[in-house]
Amino acid sequence: MLILSNGYYGGIYYHGILLDAFRKHDGKRARVMMEEHLQHGLYDLESDNLGQEKNDL
């Protein structure tokens, strides 16, 4: 359900950046990008939940 509502693009975008940071042994960039990726994921989940609650009313 989550994949259907948010798509694959966010994962593809962030995972590509993370892989590049890993290959370059850039732990700082990997950490920053992972934190951003997780924050966006949480925001997307919260947005979907708010939208679903409105539809349930």
PDB file of N, CA and C in Angstrom:
ATOM      1  N   MET A   1       0.824  -1.194   0.000  1.00  0.00           N
ATOM      2  CA  MET A   1       0.000   0.000   0.000  1.00  0.00           C
ATOM      3  C   MET A   1       0.868   1.259   0.000  1.00  0.00           C
ATOM      4  N   LEU A   2       1.897   1.278   0.831  1.00  0.00           N
ATOM      5  CA  LEU A   2       2.775   2.445   0.907  1.00  0.00           C
ATOM      6  C   LEU A   2       3.436   2.715  -0.434  1.00  0.00           C
ATOM      7  N   ILE A   3       3.907   1.669  -1.082  1.00  0.00           N
ATOM      8  CA  ILE A   3       4.562   1.842  -2.380  1.00  0.00           C
ATOM      9  C   ILE A   3       3.568   2.385  -3.395  1.00  0.00           C
ATOM     10  N   LEU A   4       2.350   1.909  -3.356  1.00  0.00           N
ATOM     11  CA  LEU A   4       1.350   2.389  -4.300  1.00  0.00           C
ATOM     12  C   LEU A   4       1.018   3.850  -4.072  1.00  0.00           C
ATOM     13  N   SER A   5       0.982   4.276  -2.820  1.00  0.00           N
ATOM     14  CA  SER A   5       0.603   5.650  -2.541  1.00  0.00           C
ATOM     15  C   SER A   5       1.747   6.625  -2.770  1.00  0.00           C
ATOM     16  N   ASN A   6       2.986   6.236  -2.511  1.00  0.00           N
ATOM     17  CA  ASN A   6       4.118   7.154  -2.611  1.00  0.00           C
ATOM     18  C   ASN A   6       5.029   6.877  -3.786  1.00  0.00           C
ATOM     19  N   GLY A   7       4.905   5.749  -4.417  1.00  0.00           N
ATOM     20  CA  GLY A   7       5.723   5.440  -5.577  1.00  0.00           C
ATOM     21  C   GLY A   7       7.130   5.014  -5.196  1.00  0.00           C
ATOM     22  N   TYR A   8       7.896   4.714  -6.223  1.00  0.00           N
ATOM     23  CA  TYR A   8       9.258   4.240  -6.044  1.00  0.00           C
ATOM     24  C   TYR A   8      10.278   5.365  -6.140  1.00  0.00           C
ATOM     25  N   TYR A   9       9.890   6.516  -6.659  1.00  0.00           N
ATOM     26  CA  TYR A   9      10.861   7.533  -7.022  1.00  0.00           C
ATOM     27  C   TYR A   9      11.669   8.073  -5.854  1.00  0.00           C
ATOM     28  N   GLY A  10      11.052   8.270  -4.715  1.00  0.00           N
ATOM     29  CA  GLY A  10      11.798   8.731  -3.552  1.00  0.00           C
ATOM     30  C   GLY A  10      12.875   7.744  -3.147  1.00  0.00           C
ATOM     31  N   GLY A  11      12.540   6.469  -3.159  1.00  0.00           N
ATOM     32  CA  GLY A  11      13.513   5.438  -2.820  1.00  0.00           C
ATOM     33  C   GLY A  11      14.642   5.363  -3.826  1.00  0.00           C
ATOM     34  N   ILE A  12      14.297   5.437  -5.090  1.00  0.00           N
ATOM     35  CA  ILE A  12      15.326   5.379  -6.132  1.00  0.00           C
ATOM     36  C   ILE A  12      16.262   6.574  -6.003  1.00  0.00           C
ATOM     37  N   TYR A  13      15.710   7.742  -5.807  1.00  0.00           N
ATOM     38  CA  TYR A  13      16.511   8.961  -5.677  1.00  0.00           C
ATOM     39  C   TYR A  13      17.493   8.850  -4.503  1.00  0.00           C
ATOM     40  N   TYR A  14      16.960   8.581  -3.326  1.00  0.00           N
ATOM     41  CA  TYR A  14      17.816   8.537  -2.133  1.00  0.00           C
ATOM     42  C   TYR A  14      18.766   7.349  -2.138  1.00  0.00           C
ATOM     43  N   HIS A  15      18.317   6.217  -2.577  1.00  0.00           N
ATOM     44  CA  HIS A  15      19.190   5.041  -2.557  1.00  0.00           C
ATOM     45  C   HIS A  15      20.360   5.211  -3.514  1.00  0.00           C
ATOM     46  N   GLY A  16      20.116   5.872  -4.642  1.00  0.00           N
ATOM     47  CA  GLY A  16      21.219   6.156  -5.556  1.00  0.00           C
ATOM     48  C   GLY A  16      22.269   7.058  -4.923  1.00  0.00           C
ATOM     49  N   ILE A  17      21.814   8.091  -4.239  1.00  0.00           N
ATOM     50  CA  ILE A  17      22.737   9.000  -3.549  1.00  0.00           C
ATOM     51  C   ILE A  17      23.477   8.268  -2.438  1.00  0.00           C
ATOM     52  N   LEU A  18      22.757   7.441  -1.694  1.00  0.00           N
ATOM     53  CA  LEU A  18      23.385   6.689  -0.608  1.00  0.00           C
ATOM     54  C   LEU A  18      24.443   5.725  -1.145  1.00  0.00           C
ATOM     55  N   LEU A  19      24.136   5.018  -2.213  1.00  0.00           N
ATOM     56  CA  LEU A  19      25.121   4.106  -2.799  1.00  0.00           C
ATOM     57  C   LEU A  19      26.375   4.855  -3.249  1.00  0.00           C
ATOM     58  N   ASP A  20      26.180   6.015  -3.857  1.00  0.00           N
ATOM     59  CA  ASP A  20      27.322   6.819  -4.286  1.00  0.00           C
ATOM     60  C   ASP A  20      28.172   7.236  -3.081  1.00  0.00           C
ATOM     61  N   ALA A  21      27.520   7.664  -2.004  1.00  0.00           N
ATOM     62  CA  ALA A  21      28.256   8.059  -0.799  1.00  0.00           C
ATOM     63  C   ALA A  21      29.014   6.868  -0.209  1.00  0.00           C
ATOM     64  N   PHE A  22      28.400   5.695  -0.201  1.00  0.00           N
ATOM     65  CA  PHE A  22      29.078   4.500   0.317  1.00  0.00           C
ATOM     66  C   PHE A  22      30.315   4.170  -0.524  1.00  0.00           C
ATOM     67  N   ARG A  23      30.137   4.225  -1.835  1.00  0.00           N
ATOM     68  CA  ARG A  23      31.264   3.916  -2.723  1.00  0.00           C
ATOM     69  C   ARG A  23      32.425   4.880  -2.527  1.00  0.00           C
ATOM     70  N   LYS A  24      32.102   6.123  -2.204  1.00  0.00           N
ATOM     71  CA  LYS A  24      33.140   7.134  -1.988  1.00  0.00           C
ATOM     72  C   LYS A  24      33.621   7.185  -0.535  1.00  0.00           C
ATOM     73  N   HIS A  25      33.100   6.274   0.284  1.00  0.00           N
ATOM     74  CA  HIS A  25      33.441   6.220   1.712  1.00  0.00           C
ATOM     75  C   HIS A  25      33.147   7.543   2.406  1.00  0.00           C
ATOM     76  N   ASP A  26      32.041   8.168   2.002  1.00  0.00           N
ATOM     77  CA  ASP A  26      31.633   9.458   2.554  1.00  0.00           C
ATOM     78  C   ASP A  26      30.514   9.230   3.571  1.00  0.00           C
ATOM     79  N   GLY A  27      30.921   8.859   4.775  1.00  0.00           N
ATOM     80  CA  GLY A  27      29.965   8.541   5.821  1.00  0.00           C
ATOM     81  C   GLY A  27      29.098   9.716   6.224  1.00  0.00           C
ATOM     82  N   LYS A  28      29.677  10.911   6.212  1.00  0.00           N
ATOM     83  CA  LYS A  28      28.913  12.101   6.607  1.00  0.00           C
ATOM     84  C   LYS A  28      27.761  12.340   5.626  1.00  0.00           C
ATOM     85  N   ARG A  29      28.063  12.277   4.332  1.00  0.00           N
ATOM     86  CA  ARG A  29      27.007  12.477   3.331  1.00  0.00           C
ATOM     87  C   ARG A  29      25.960  11.370   3.410  1.00  0.00           C
ATOM     88  N   ALA A  30      26.399  10.146   3.600  1.00  0.00           N
ATOM     89  CA  ALA A  30      25.446   9.026   3.712  1.00  0.00           C
ATOM     90  C   ALA A  30      24.514   9.240   4.900  1.00  0.00           C
ATOM     91  N   ARG A  31      25.069   9.673   6.022  1.00  0.00           N
ATOM     92  CA  ARG A  31      24.242   9.902   7.220  1.00  0.00           C
ATOM     93  C   ARG A  31      23.219  11.012   6.980  1.00  0.00           C
ATOM     94  N   VAL A  32      23.685  12.123   6.414  1.00  0.00           N
ATOM     95  CA  VAL A  32      22.792  13.256   6.160  1.00  0.00           C
ATOM     96  C   VAL A  32      21.677  12.860   5.197  1.00  0.00           C
ATOM     97  N   MET A  33      22.030  12.154   4.134  1.00  0.00           N
ATOM     98  CA  MET A  33      21.028  11.763   3.144  1.00  0.00           C
ATOM     99  C   MET A  33      20.051  10.727   3.701  1.00  0.00           C
ATOM    100  N   MET A  34      20.545   9.815   4.544  1.00  0.00           N
ATOM    101  CA  MET A  34      19.649   8.830   5.146  1.00  0.00           C
ATOM    102  C   MET A  34      18.666   9.513   6.079  1.00  0.00           C
ATOM    103  N   GLU A  35      19.140  10.481   6.848  1.00  0.00           N
ATOM    104  CA  GLU A  35      18.240  11.222   7.732  1.00  0.00           C
ATOM    105  C   GLU A  35      17.172  11.961   6.919  1.00  0.00           C
ATOM    106  N   GLU A  36      17.589  12.583   5.819  1.00  0.00           N
ATOM    107  CA  GLU A  36      16.636  13.291   4.966  1.00  0.00           C
ATOM    108  C   GLU A  36      15.635  12.314   4.363  1.00  0.00           C
ATOM    109  N   HIS A  37      16.132  11.179   3.907  1.00  0.00           N
ATOM    110  CA  HIS A  37      15.275  10.142   3.322  1.00  0.00           C
ATOM    111  C   HIS A  37      14.216   9.691   4.340  1.00  0.00           C
ATOM    112  N   LEU A  38      14.635   9.441   5.552  1.00  0.00           N
ATOM    113  CA  LEU A  38      13.697   9.003   6.589  1.00  0.00           C
ATOM    114  C   LEU A  38      12.689  10.096   6.933  1.00  0.00           C
ATOM    115  N   GLN A  39      13.146  11.339   7.011  1.00  0.00           N
ATOM    116  CA  GLN A  39      12.225  12.444   7.297  1.00  0.00           C
ATOM    117  C   GLN A  39      11.174  12.585   6.205  1.00  0.00           C
ATOM    118  N   HIS A  40      11.588  12.464   4.957  1.00  0.00           N
ATOM    119  CA  HIS A  40      10.626  12.542   3.856  1.00  0.00           C
ATOM    120  C   HIS A  40       9.644  11.380   3.914  1.00  0.00           C
ATOM    121  N   GLY A  41      10.136  10.199   4.256  1.00  0.00           N
ATOM    122  CA  GLY A  41       9.254   9.044   4.379  1.00  0.00           C
ATOM    123  C   GLY A  41       8.219   9.234   5.471  1.00  0.00           C
ATOM    124  N   LEU A  42       8.650   9.770   6.608  1.00  0.00           N
ATOM    125  CA  LEU A  42       7.712  10.029   7.700  1.00  0.00           C
ATOM    126  C   LEU A  42       6.688  11.086   7.309  1.00  0.00           C
ATOM    127  N   TYR A  43       7.153  12.123   6.630  1.00  0.00           N
ATOM    128  CA  TYR A  43       6.240  13.166   6.165  1.00  0.00           C
ATOM    129  C   TYR A  43       5.194  12.575   5.211  1.00  0.00           C
ATOM    130  N   ASP A  44       5.649  11.727   4.277  1.00  0.00           N
ATOM    131  CA  ASP A  44       4.730  11.091   3.331  1.00  0.00           C
ATOM    132  C   ASP A  44       3.702  10.224   4.049  1.00  0.00           C
ATOM    133  N   LEU A  45       4.156   9.473   5.046  1.00  0.00           N
ATOM    134  CA  LEU A  45       3.228   8.637   5.813  1.00  0.00           C
ATOM    135  C   LEU A  45       2.200   9.483   6.551  1.00  0.00           C
ATOM    136  N   GLU A  46       2.667  10.547   7.185  1.00  0.00           N
ATOM    137  CA  GLU A  46       1.754  11.422   7.913  1.00  0.00           C
ATOM    138  C   GLU A  46       0.758  12.076   6.966  1.00  0.00           C
ATOM    139  N   SER A  47       1.219  12.507   5.818  1.00  0.00           N
ATOM    140  CA  SER A  47       0.334  13.123   4.832  1.00  0.00           C
ATOM    141  C   SER A  47      -0.718  12.136   4.356  1.00  0.00           C
ATOM    142  N   ASP A  48      -0.301  10.903   4.092  1.00  0.00           N
ATOM    143  CA  ASP A  48      -1.245   9.871   3.661  1.00  0.00           C
ATOM    144  C   ASP A  48      -2.257   9.582   4.753  1.00  0.00           C
ATOM    145  N   ASN A  49      -1.799   9.517   5.996  1.00  0.00           N
ATOM    146  CA  ASN A  49      -2.715   9.245   7.108  1.00  0.00           C
ATOM    147  C   ASN A  49      -3.715  10.375   7.287  1.00  0.00           C
ATOM    148  N   LEU A  50      -3.274  11.614   7.146  1.00  0.00           N
ATOM    149  CA  LEU A  50      -4.200  12.741   7.260  1.00  0.00           C
ATOM    150  C   LEU A  50      -5.217  12.705   6.138  1.00  0.00           C
ATOM    151  N   GLY A  51      -4.771  12.400   4.939  1.00  0.00           N
ATOM    152  CA  GLY A  51      -5.683  12.309   3.809  1.00  0.00           C
ATOM    153  C   GLY A  51      -6.688  11.187   3.990  1.00  0.00           C
ATOM    154  N   GLN A  52      -6.229  10.060   4.517  1.00  0.00           N
ATOM    155  CA  GLN A  52      -7.129   8.919   4.744  1.00  0.00           C
ATOM    156  C   GLN A  52      -8.158   9.255   5.805  1.00  0.00           C
ATOM    157  N   GLU A  53      -7.742   9.951   6.875  1.00  0.00           N
ATOM    158  CA  GLU A  53      -8.695  10.324   7.934  1.00  0.00           C
ATOM    159  C   GLU A  53      -9.785  11.229   7.384  1.00  0.00           C
ATOM    160  N   LYS A  54      -9.426  12.156   6.496  1.00  0.00           N
ATOM    161  CA  LYS A  54     -10.421  13.041   5.900  1.00  0.00           C
ATOM    162  C   LYS A  54     -11.382  12.254   5.034  1.00  0.00           C
ATOM    163  N   ASN A  55     -10.861  11.236   4.314  1.00  0.00           N
ATOM    164  CA  ASN A  55     -11.724  10.409   3.466  1.00  0.00           C
ATOM    165  C   ASN A  55     -12.650   9.545   4.297  1.00  0.00           C
ATOM    166  N   ASP A  56     -12.231   9.181   5.515  1.00  0.00           N
ATOM    167  CA  ASP A  56     -13.053   8.337   6.375  1.00  0.00           C
ATOM    168  C   ASP A  56     -14.231   9.099   6.967  1.00  0.00           C
ATOM    169  N   LEU A  57     -14.152  10.419   6.986  1.00  0.00           N
ATOM    170  CA  LEU A  57     -15.228  11.220   7.583  1.00  0.00           C
ATOM    171  C   LEU A  57     -16.377  11.263   6.670  1.00  0.00           C
TER     172      LEU A  57
END
